[in-house]
PDB file of N, CA and C in Angstrom:
ATOM      1  N   MET A   1     126.193  13.912 -70.773  1.00  0.00           N
ATOM      2  CA  MET A   1     125.972  13.065 -69.615  1.00  0.00           C
ATOM      3  C   MET A   1     126.414  11.647 -69.969  1.00  0.00           C
ATOM      4  N   SER A   2     127.215  11.069 -69.099  1.00  0.00           N
ATOM      5  CA  SER A   2     127.693   9.714 -69.345  1.00  0.00           C
ATOM      6  C   SER A   2     126.594   8.696 -69.028  1.00  0.00           C
ATOM      7  N   GLN A   3     126.771   7.462 -69.482  1.00  0.00           N
ATOM      8  CA  GLN A   3     125.814   6.388 -69.196  1.00  0.00           C
ATOM      9  C   GLN A   3     125.694   6.187 -67.694  1.00  0.00           C
ATOM     10  N   ARG A   4     126.817   6.255 -66.992  1.00  0.00           N
ATOM     11  CA  ARG A   4     126.810   6.055 -65.537  1.00  0.00           C
ATOM     12  C   ARG A   4     126.002   7.150 -64.837  1.00  0.00           C
ATOM     13  N   GLU A   5     126.174   8.414 -65.277  1.00  0.00           N
ATOM     14  CA  GLU A   5     125.415   9.512 -64.691  1.00  0.00           C
ATOM     15  C   GLU A   5     123.923   9.355 -64.962  1.00  0.00           C
ATOM     16  N   ALA A   6     123.578   8.925 -66.167  1.00  0.00           N
ATOM     17  CA  ALA A   6     122.171   8.723 -66.529  1.00  0.00           C
ATOM     18  C   ALA A   6     121.550   7.633 -65.664  1.00  0.00           C
ATOM     19  N   GLU A   7     122.273   6.557 -65.429  1.00  0.00           N
ATOM     20  CA  GLU A   7     121.763   5.468 -64.595  1.00  0.00           C
ATOM     21  C   GLU A   7     121.617   5.909 -63.146  1.00  0.00           C
ATOM     22  N   ALA A   8     122.522   6.752 -62.663  1.00  0.00           N
ATOM     23  CA  ALA A   8     122.475   7.210 -61.275  1.00  0.00           C
ATOM     24  C   ALA A   8     121.250   8.079 -61.012  1.00  0.00           C
ATOM     25  N   LYS A   9     120.695   8.739 -62.026  1.00  0.00           N
ATOM     26  CA  LYS A   9     119.563   9.636 -61.856  1.00  0.00           C
ATOM     27  C   LYS A   9     118.212   8.935 -61.951  1.00  0.00           C
ATOM     28  N   ILE A  10     118.199   7.663 -62.272  1.00  0.00           N
ATOM     29  CA  ILE A  10     116.943   6.929 -62.368  1.00  0.00           C
ATOM     30  C   ILE A  10     116.399   6.687 -60.964  1.00  0.00           C
ATOM     31  N   ILE A  11     115.145   7.049 -60.751  1.00  0.00           N
ATOM     32  CA  ILE A  11     114.474   6.816 -59.467  1.00  0.00           C
ATOM     33  C   ILE A  11     113.285   5.918 -59.742  1.00  0.00           C
ATOM     34  N   ARG A  12     113.298   4.763 -59.152  1.00  0.00           N
ATOM     35  CA  ARG A  12     112.216   3.793 -59.344  1.00  0.00           C
ATOM     36  C   ARG A  12     111.161   3.962 -58.251  1.00  0.00           C
ATOM     37  N   LEU A  13     109.920   3.724 -58.590  1.00  0.00           N
ATOM     38  CA  LEU A  13     108.824   3.883 -57.650  1.00  0.00           C
ATOM     39  C   LEU A  13     109.037   3.065 -56.387  1.00  0.00           C
ATOM     40  N   GLN A  14     109.538   1.829 -56.512  1.00  0.00           N
ATOM     41  CA  GLN A  14     109.736   0.989 -55.325  1.00  0.00           C
ATOM     42  C   GLN A  14     110.830   1.535 -54.414  1.00  0.00           C
ATOM     43  N   ASP A  15     111.679   2.450 -54.922  1.00  0.00           N
ATOM     44  CA  ASP A  15     112.742   3.056 -54.113  1.00  0.00           C
ATOM     45  C   ASP A  15     112.311   4.366 -53.467  1.00  0.00           C
ATOM     46  N   TYR A  16     111.127   4.849 -53.809  1.00  0.00           N
ATOM     47  CA  TYR A  16     110.675   6.147 -53.313  1.00  0.00           C
ATOM     48  C   TYR A  16     110.498   6.134 -51.798  1.00  0.00           C
ATOM     49  N   GLN A  17     110.967   7.188 -51.168  1.00  0.00           N
ATOM     50  CA  GLN A  17     110.760   7.415 -49.739  1.00  0.00           C
ATOM     51  C   GLN A  17     110.129   8.803 -49.593  1.00  0.00           C
ATOM     52  N   PRO A  18     109.149   8.968 -48.728  1.00  0.00           N
ATOM     53  CA  PRO A  18     108.582  10.308 -48.541  1.00  0.00           C
ATOM     54  C   PRO A  18     109.659  11.228 -47.974  1.00  0.00           C
ATOM     55  N   PRO A  19     109.589  12.524 -48.261  1.00  0.00           N
ATOM     56  CA  PRO A  19     110.608  13.453 -47.775  1.00  0.00           C
ATOM     57  C   PRO A  19     110.555  13.586 -46.255  1.00  0.00           C
ATOM     58  N   ALA A  20     111.716  13.720 -45.643  1.00  0.00           N
ATOM     59  CA  ALA A  20     111.806  13.868 -44.187  1.00  0.00           C
ATOM     60  C   ALA A  20     111.340  15.252 -43.743  1.00  0.00           C
ATOM     61  N   PHE A  21     111.436  16.238 -44.641  1.00  0.00           N
ATOM     62  CA  PHE A  21     111.029  17.600 -44.331  1.00  0.00           C
ATOM     63  C   PHE A  21     110.040  18.074 -45.377  1.00  0.00           C
ATOM     64  N   LEU A  22     109.114  18.928 -44.957  1.00  0.00           N
ATOM     65  CA  LEU A  22     108.148  19.553 -45.858  1.00  0.00           C
ATOM     66  C   LEU A  22     108.448  21.040 -45.925  1.00  0.00           C
ATOM     67  N   ILE A  23     108.341  21.624 -47.108  1.00  0.00           N
ATOM     68  CA  ILE A  23     108.582  23.054 -47.301  1.00  0.00           C
ATOM     69  C   ILE A  23     107.227  23.748 -47.320  1.00  0.00           C
ATOM     70  N   ASP A  24     106.987  24.585 -46.319  1.00  0.00           N
ATOM     71  CA  ASP A  24     105.727  25.312 -46.230  1.00  0.00           C
ATOM     72  C   ASP A  24     105.758  26.614 -47.019  1.00  0.00           C
ATOM     73  N   GLN A  25     106.925  27.235 -47.088  1.00  0.00           N
ATOM     74  CA  GLN A  25     107.025  28.519 -47.793  1.00  0.00           C
ATOM     75  C   GLN A  25     108.443  28.688 -48.333  1.00  0.00           C
ATOM     76  N   THR A  26     108.547  29.298 -49.507  1.00  0.00           N
ATOM     77  CA  THR A  26     109.832  29.617 -50.115  1.00  0.00           C
ATOM     78  C   THR A  26     109.825  31.086 -50.500  1.00  0.00           C
ATOM     79  N   ARG A  27     110.855  31.808 -50.075  1.00  0.00           N
ATOM     80  CA  ARG A  27     111.007  33.209 -50.467  1.00  0.00           C
ATOM     81  C   ARG A  27     112.313  33.323 -51.254  1.00  0.00           C
ATOM     82  N   LEU A  28     112.242  33.903 -52.440  1.00  0.00           N
ATOM     83  CA  LEU A  28     113.427  34.083 -53.282  1.00  0.00           C
ATOM     84  C   LEU A  28     113.644  35.562 -53.562  1.00  0.00           C
ATOM     85  N   ARG A  29     114.914  35.967 -53.520  1.00  0.00           N
ATOM     86  CA  ARG A  29     115.311  37.301 -53.976  1.00  0.00           C
ATOM     87  C   ARG A  29     116.433  37.078 -54.985  1.00  0.00           C
ATOM     88  N   ILE A  30     116.241  37.564 -56.187  1.00  0.00           N
ATOM     89  CA  ILE A  30     117.195  37.330 -57.263  1.00  0.00           C
ATOM     90  C   ILE A  30     117.813  38.658 -57.667  1.00  0.00           C
ATOM     91  N   GLU A  31     119.142  38.704 -57.646  1.00  0.00           N
ATOM     92  CA  GLU A  31     119.885  39.903 -58.029  1.00  0.00           C
ATOM     93  C   GLU A  31     120.641  39.605 -59.315  1.00  0.00           C
ATOM     94  N   LEU A  32     120.164  40.188 -60.412  1.00  0.00           N
ATOM     95  CA  LEU A  32     120.795  39.979 -61.713  1.00  0.00           C
ATOM     96  C   LEU A  32     121.919  40.994 -61.899  1.00  0.00           C
ATOM     97  N   GLY A  33     123.096  40.484 -62.222  1.00  0.00           N
ATOM     98  CA  GLY A  33     124.239  41.357 -62.462  1.00  0.00           C
ATOM     99  C   GLY A  33     124.874  41.033 -63.791  1.00  0.00           C
ATOM    100  N   ASP A  34     125.794  41.877 -64.231  1.00  0.00           N
ATOM    101  CA  ASP A  34     126.491  41.634 -65.495  1.00  0.00           C
ATOM    102  C   ASP A  34     127.396  40.414 -65.409  1.00  0.00           C
ATOM    103  N   ALA A  35     128.058  40.227 -64.279  1.00  0.00           N
ATOM    104  CA  ALA A  35     129.030  39.135 -64.146  1.00  0.00           C
ATOM    105  C   ALA A  35     128.479  37.925 -63.399  1.00  0.00           C
ATOM    106  N   GLU A  36     127.466  38.127 -62.567  1.00  0.00           N
ATOM    107  CA  GLU A  36     126.930  37.011 -61.792  1.00  0.00           C
ATOM    108  C   GLU A  36     125.484  37.284 -61.403  1.00  0.00           C
ATOM    109  N   THR A  37     124.800  36.230 -61.045  1.00  0.00           N
ATOM    110  CA  THR A  37     123.444  36.316 -60.531  1.00  0.00           C
ATOM    111  C   THR A  37     123.444  35.732 -59.126  1.00  0.00           C
ATOM    112  N   LEU A  38     122.923  36.473 -58.174  1.00  0.00           N
ATOM    113  CA  LEU A  38     122.825  36.001 -56.802  1.00  0.00           C
ATOM    114  C   LEU A  38     121.378  35.635 -56.504  1.00  0.00           C
ATOM    115  N   VAL A  39     121.198  34.489 -55.891  1.00  0.00           N
ATOM    116  CA  VAL A  39     119.872  34.040 -55.497  1.00  0.00           C
ATOM    117  C   VAL A  39     119.882  33.838 -53.988  1.00  0.00           C
ATOM    118  N   HIS A  40     119.031  34.571 -53.309  1.00  0.00           N
ATOM    119  CA  HIS A  40     118.868  34.425 -51.865  1.00  0.00           C
ATOM    120  C   HIS A  40     117.572  33.647 -51.660  1.00  0.00           C
ATOM    121  N   ALA A  41     117.666  32.529 -50.979  1.00  0.00           N
ATOM    122  CA  ALA A  41     116.487  31.684 -50.764  1.00  0.00           C
ATOM    123  C   ALA A  41     116.260  31.508 -49.263  1.00  0.00           C
ATOM    124  N   GLU A  42     115.026  31.681 -48.851  1.00  0.00           N
ATOM    125  CA  GLU A  42     114.641  31.443 -47.456  1.00  0.00           C
ATOM    126  C   GLU A  42     113.511  30.419 -47.470  1.00  0.00           C
ATOM    127  N   LEU A  43     113.753  29.283 -46.834  1.00  0.00           N
ATOM    128  CA  LEU A  43     112.777  28.204 -46.800  1.00  0.00           C
ATOM    129  C   LEU A  43     112.210  28.064 -45.396  1.00  0.00           C
ATOM    130  N   SER A  44     110.900  27.915 -45.292  1.00  0.00           N
ATOM    131  CA  SER A  44     110.246  27.581 -44.026  1.00  0.00           C
ATOM    132  C   SER A  44     109.939  26.092 -44.079  1.00  0.00           C
ATOM    133  N   LEU A  45     110.639  25.329 -43.243  1.00  0.00           N
ATOM    134  CA  LEU A  45     110.555  23.872 -43.258  1.00  0.00           C
ATOM    135  C   LEU A  45     109.982  23.341 -41.959  1.00  0.00           C
ATOM    136  N   ARG A  46     109.471  22.132 -42.051  1.00  0.00           N
ATOM    137  CA  ARG A  46     109.073  21.395 -40.847  1.00  0.00           C
ATOM    138  C   ARG A  46     109.254  19.919 -41.131  1.00  0.00           C
ATOM    139  N   ARG A  47     109.425  19.167 -40.073  1.00  0.00           N
ATOM    140  CA  ARG A  47     109.547  17.711 -40.215  1.00  0.00           C
ATOM    141  C   ARG A  47     108.245  17.146 -40.763  1.00  0.00           C
ATOM    142  N   ASN A  48     108.372  16.134 -41.593  1.00  0.00           N
ATOM    143  CA  ASN A  48     107.209  15.434 -42.121  1.00  0.00           C
ATOM    144  C   ASN A  48     106.715  14.481 -41.027  1.00  0.00           C
ATOM    145  N   PRO A  49     105.499  14.667 -40.514  1.00  0.00           N
ATOM    146  CA  PRO A  49     105.018  13.798 -39.431  1.00  0.00           C
ATOM    147  C   PRO A  49     104.851  12.340 -39.874  1.00  0.00           C
ATOM    148  N   ALA A  50     104.831  12.087 -41.172  1.00  0.00           N
ATOM    149  CA  ALA A  50     104.678  10.716 -41.668  1.00  0.00           C
ATOM    150  C   ALA A  50     106.004   9.964 -41.720  1.00  0.00           C
ATOM    151  N   VAL A  51     107.107  10.649 -41.381  1.00  0.00           N
ATOM    152  CA  VAL A  51     108.437  10.031 -41.457  1.00  0.00           C
ATOM    153  C   VAL A  51     109.041   9.982 -40.058  1.00  0.00           C
ATOM    154  N   THR A  52     109.531   8.819 -39.675  1.00  0.00           N
ATOM    155  CA  THR A  52     110.203   8.685 -38.382  1.00  0.00           C
ATOM    156  C   THR A  52     111.706   8.765 -38.581  1.00  0.00           C
ATOM    157  N   GLY A  53     112.416   9.130 -37.541  1.00  0.00           N
ATOM    158  CA  GLY A  53     113.869   9.243 -37.619  1.00  0.00           C
ATOM    159  C   GLY A  53     114.285  10.697 -37.736  1.00  0.00           C
ATOM    160  N   ALA A  54     115.504  10.965 -37.392  1.00  0.00           N
ATOM    161  CA  ALA A  54     116.015  12.336 -37.382  1.00  0.00           C
ATOM    162  C   ALA A  54     117.216  12.459 -38.307  1.00  0.00           C
ATOM    163  N   GLY A  55     117.047  12.107 -39.562  1.00  0.00           N
ATOM    164  CA  GLY A  55     118.131  12.214 -40.524  1.00  0.00           C
ATOM    165  C   GLY A  55     118.439  13.662 -40.839  1.00  0.00           C
ATOM    166  N   PRO A  56     119.513  13.905 -41.593  1.00  0.00           N
ATOM    167  CA  PRO A  56     119.883  15.284 -41.920  1.00  0.00           C
ATOM    168  C   PRO A  56     118.909  15.897 -42.925  1.00  0.00           C
ATOM    169  N   LEU A  57     118.859  17.201 -42.915  1.00  0.00           N
ATOM    170  CA  LEU A  57     118.137  17.924 -43.956  1.00  0.00           C
ATOM    171  C   LEU A  57     118.973  17.805 -45.219  1.00  0.00           C
ATOM    172  N   GLU A  58     118.360  17.385 -46.318  1.00  0.00           N
ATOM    173  CA  GLU A  58     119.061  17.232 -47.587  1.00  0.00           C
ATOM    174  C   GLU A  58     118.333  18.018 -48.667  1.00  0.00           C
ATOM    175  N   LEU A  59     119.090  18.864 -49.358  1.00  0.00           N
ATOM    176  CA  LEU A  59     118.552  19.669 -50.446  1.00  0.00           C
ATOM    177  C   LEU A  59     119.424  19.456 -51.680  1.00  0.00           C
ATOM    178  N   HIS A  60     118.790  19.311 -52.831  1.00  0.00           N
ATOM    179  CA  HIS A  60     119.508  19.085 -54.082  1.00  0.00           C
ATOM    180  C   HIS A  60     119.673  20.415 -54.816  1.00  0.00           C
ATOM    181  N   GLY A  61     120.850  20.618 -55.389  1.00  0.00           N
ATOM    182  CA  GLY A  61     121.117  21.817 -56.177  1.00  0.00           C
ATOM    183  C   GLY A  61     122.412  21.661 -56.940  1.00  0.00           C
ATOM    184  N   GLU A  62     122.337  21.786 -58.239  1.00  0.00           N
ATOM    185  CA  GLU A  62     123.518  21.593 -59.101  1.00  0.00           C
ATOM    186  C   GLU A  62     124.227  22.915 -59.354  1.00  0.00           C
ATOM    187  N   GLY A  63     125.550  22.881 -59.358  1.00  0.00           N
ATOM    188  CA  GLY A  63     126.364  24.016 -59.763  1.00  0.00           C
ATOM    189  C   GLY A  63     126.240  25.238 -58.879  1.00  0.00           C
ATOM    190  N   LEU A  64     126.043  25.054 -57.592  1.00  0.00           N
ATOM    191  CA  LEU A  64     125.883  26.186 -56.683  1.00  0.00           C
ATOM    192  C   LEU A  64     127.234  26.658 -56.155  1.00  0.00           C
ATOM    193  N   ASP A  65     127.343  27.947 -55.945  1.00  0.00           N
ATOM    194  CA  ASP A  65     128.471  28.539 -55.233  1.00  0.00           C
ATOM    195  C   ASP A  65     127.877  29.052 -53.931  1.00  0.00           C
ATOM    196  N   LEU A  66     127.874  28.208 -52.933  1.00  0.00           N
ATOM    197  CA  LEU A  66     127.218  28.515 -51.661  1.00  0.00           C
ATOM    198  C   LEU A  66     128.018  29.583 -50.926  1.00  0.00           C
ATOM    199  N   ARG A  67     127.406  30.734 -50.715  1.00  0.00           N
ATOM    200  CA  ARG A  67     128.101  31.864 -50.091  1.00  0.00           C
ATOM    201  C   ARG A  67     127.830  31.974 -48.602  1.00  0.00           C
ATOM    202  N   ALA A  68     126.624  31.638 -48.172  1.00  0.00           N
ATOM    203  CA  ALA A  68     126.252  31.733 -46.760  1.00  0.00           C
ATOM    204  C   ALA A  68     125.088  30.789 -46.506  1.00  0.00           C
ATOM    205  N   LEU A  69     125.024  30.286 -45.281  1.00  0.00           N
ATOM    206  CA  LEU A  69     123.976  29.354 -44.909  1.00  0.00           C
ATOM    207  C   LEU A  69     123.619  29.597 -43.449  1.00  0.00           C
ATOM    208  N   ALA A  70     122.320  29.659 -43.144  1.00  0.00           N
ATOM    209  CA  ALA A  70     121.868  29.899 -41.772  1.00  0.00           C
ATOM    210  C   ALA A  70     120.655  29.025 -41.488  1.00  0.00           C
ATOM    211  N   VAL A  71     120.517  28.641 -40.219  1.00  0.00           N
ATOM    212  CA  VAL A  71     119.340  27.919 -39.733  1.00  0.00           C
ATOM    213  C   VAL A  71     118.785  28.721 -38.572  1.00  0.00           C
ATOM    214  N   ASP A  72     117.510  29.077 -38.651  1.00  0.00           N
ATOM    215  CA  ASP A  72     116.849  29.904 -37.638  1.00  0.00           C
ATOM    216  C   ASP A  72     117.619  31.194 -37.371  1.00  0.00           C
ATOM    217  N   GLY A  73     118.177  31.783 -38.433  1.00  0.00           N
ATOM    218  CA  GLY A  73     118.892  33.048 -38.310  1.00  0.00           C
ATOM    219  C   GLY A  73     120.335  32.936 -37.855  1.00  0.00           C
ATOM    220  N   ARG A  74     120.802  31.748 -37.524  1.00  0.00           N
ATOM    221  CA  ARG A  74     122.181  31.550 -37.063  1.00  0.00           C
ATOM    222  C   ARG A  74     123.034  31.057 -38.220  1.00  0.00           C
ATOM    223  N   ALA A  75     124.096  31.795 -38.530  1.00  0.00           N
ATOM    224  CA  ALA A  75     125.001  31.400 -39.609  1.00  0.00           C
ATOM    225  C   ALA A  75     125.689  30.089 -39.238  1.00  0.00           C
ATOM    226  N   LEU A  76     125.787  29.186 -40.200  1.00  0.00           N
ATOM    227  CA  LEU A  76     126.446  27.903 -39.968  1.00  0.00           C
ATOM    228  C   LEU A  76     127.907  27.977 -40.395  1.00  0.00           C
ATOM    229  N   ALA A  77     128.764  27.360 -39.601  1.00  0.00           N
ATOM    230  CA  ALA A  77     130.176  27.222 -39.957  1.00  0.00           C
ATOM    231  C   ALA A  77     130.297  26.092 -40.976  1.00  0.00           C
ATOM    232  N   ALA A  78     131.357  26.106 -41.741  1.00  0.00           N
ATOM    233  CA  ALA A  78     131.557  25.096 -42.793  1.00  0.00           C
ATOM    234  C   ALA A  78     131.505  23.675 -42.244  1.00  0.00           C
ATOM    235  N   ARG A  79     131.895  23.473 -41.005  1.00  0.00           N
ATOM    236  CA  ARG A  79     131.886  22.120 -40.420  1.00  0.00           C
ATOM    237  C   ARG A  79     130.474  21.633 -40.077  1.00  0.00           C
ATOM    238  N   GLU A  80     129.491  22.524 -40.125  1.00  0.00           N
ATOM    239  CA  GLU A  80     128.122  22.178 -39.747  1.00  0.00           C
ATOM    240  C   GLU A  80     127.261  21.717 -40.922  1.00  0.00           C
ATOM    241  N   TYR A  81     127.820  21.714 -42.121  1.00  0.00           N
ATOM    242  CA  TYR A  81     127.081  21.248 -43.293  1.00  0.00           C
ATOM    243  C   TYR A  81     128.071  20.673 -44.295  1.00  0.00           C
ATOM    244  N   ARG A  82     127.511  20.004 -45.295  1.00  0.00           N
ATOM    245  CA  ARG A  82     128.330  19.428 -46.366  1.00  0.00           C
ATOM    246  C   ARG A  82     127.614  19.663 -47.684  1.00  0.00           C
ATOM    247  N   TYR A  83     128.350  20.172 -48.669  1.00  0.00           N
ATOM    248  CA  TYR A  83     127.807  20.322 -50.012  1.00  0.00           C
ATOM    249  C   TYR A  83     128.773  19.664 -50.982  1.00  0.00           C
ATOM    250  N   ALA A  84     128.335  18.603 -51.618  1.00  0.00           N
ATOM    251  CA  ALA A  84     129.157  17.893 -52.593  1.00  0.00           C
ATOM    252  C   ALA A  84     128.240  17.189 -53.580  1.00  0.00           C
ATOM    253  N   ASP A  85     128.670  17.140 -54.814  1.00  0.00           N
ATOM    254  CA  ASP A  85     127.947  16.410 -55.860  1.00  0.00           C
ATOM    255  C   ASP A  85     126.470  16.792 -55.943  1.00  0.00           C
ATOM    256  N   GLY A  86     126.182  18.083 -55.773  1.00  0.00           N
ATOM    257  CA  GLY A  86     124.816  18.558 -55.920  1.00  0.00           C
ATOM    258  C   GLY A  86     123.898  18.277 -54.748  1.00  0.00           C
ATOM    259  N   LEU A  87     124.462  17.881 -53.597  1.00  0.00           N
ATOM    260  CA  LEU A  87     123.636  17.577 -52.431  1.00  0.00           C
ATOM    261  C   LEU A  87     124.138  18.358 -51.226  1.00  0.00           C
ATOM    262  N   LEU A  88     123.251  19.168 -50.623  1.00  0.00           N
ATOM    263  CA  LEU A  88     123.546  19.902 -49.413  1.00  0.00           C
ATOM    264  C   LEU A  88     122.955  19.126 -48.247  1.00  0.00           C
ATOM    265  N   GLN A  89     123.798  18.768 -47.277  1.00  0.00           N
ATOM    266  CA  GLN A  89     123.343  18.038 -46.086  1.00  0.00           C
ATOM    267  C   GLN A  89     123.629  18.899 -44.851  1.00  0.00           C
ATOM    268  N   ILE A  90     122.603  19.037 -44.001  1.00  0.00           N
ATOM    269  CA  ILE A  90     122.724  19.824 -42.772  1.00  0.00           C
ATOM    270  C   ILE A  90     122.286  18.926 -41.618  1.00  0.00           C
ATOM    271  N   PRO A  91     123.214  18.171 -41.019  1.00  0.00           N
ATOM    272  CA  PRO A  91     122.845  17.248 -39.937  1.00  0.00           C
ATOM    273  C   PRO A  91     122.194  17.944 -38.742  1.00  0.00           C
ATOM    274  N   GLY A  92     122.677  19.103 -38.341  1.00  0.00           N
ATOM    275  CA  GLY A  92     122.146  19.783 -37.171  1.00  0.00           C
ATOM    276  C   GLY A  92     120.755  20.338 -37.326  1.00  0.00           C
ATOM    277  N   ALA A  93     120.273  20.440 -38.549  1.00  0.00           N
ATOM    278  CA  ALA A  93     118.931  20.984 -38.781  1.00  0.00           C
ATOM    279  C   ALA A  93     117.854  20.037 -38.276  1.00  0.00           C
ATOM    280  N   ALA A  94     118.183  18.768 -38.156  1.00  0.00           N
ATOM    281  CA  ALA A  94     117.182  17.786 -37.728  1.00  0.00           C
ATOM    282  C   ALA A  94     116.633  18.116 -36.349  1.00  0.00           C
ATOM    283  N   GLY A  95     117.477  18.583 -35.448  1.00  0.00           N
ATOM    284  CA  GLY A  95     117.015  18.926 -34.107  1.00  0.00           C
ATOM    285  C   GLY A  95     116.375  20.289 -34.017  1.00  0.00           C
ATOM    286  N   ALA A  96     116.694  21.171 -34.963  1.00  0.00           N
ATOM    287  CA  ALA A  96     116.176  22.539 -34.921  1.00  0.00           C
ATOM    288  C   ALA A  96     114.757  22.636 -35.436  1.00  0.00           C
ATOM    289  N   LEU A  97     114.348  21.669 -36.270  1.00  0.00           N
ATOM    290  CA  LEU A  97     113.022  21.777 -36.892  1.00  0.00           C
ATOM    291  C   LEU A  97     112.041  20.826 -36.267  1.00  0.00           C
TER     292      LEU A  97
END
């Protein structure tokens, strides 16, 4: 890890913001294979009532090969989300939850 990467990961208490979404339940199904491991995750989310504004849903995850993504059972097209630098952003999820 470079010095710049280490500095970018520092989170100071005065910079803390409460999460816009709360996770009520997480369901994981893990398929272990010889060549790859698949992880299917289903999250039950809701807006945090202590946070105002309708920002995008943001989830952190490093080194993911995102194969499919759905909100309320509807598959999302690639234009409906963004995954870069370990951050998944789903702007349309703000209105769905």
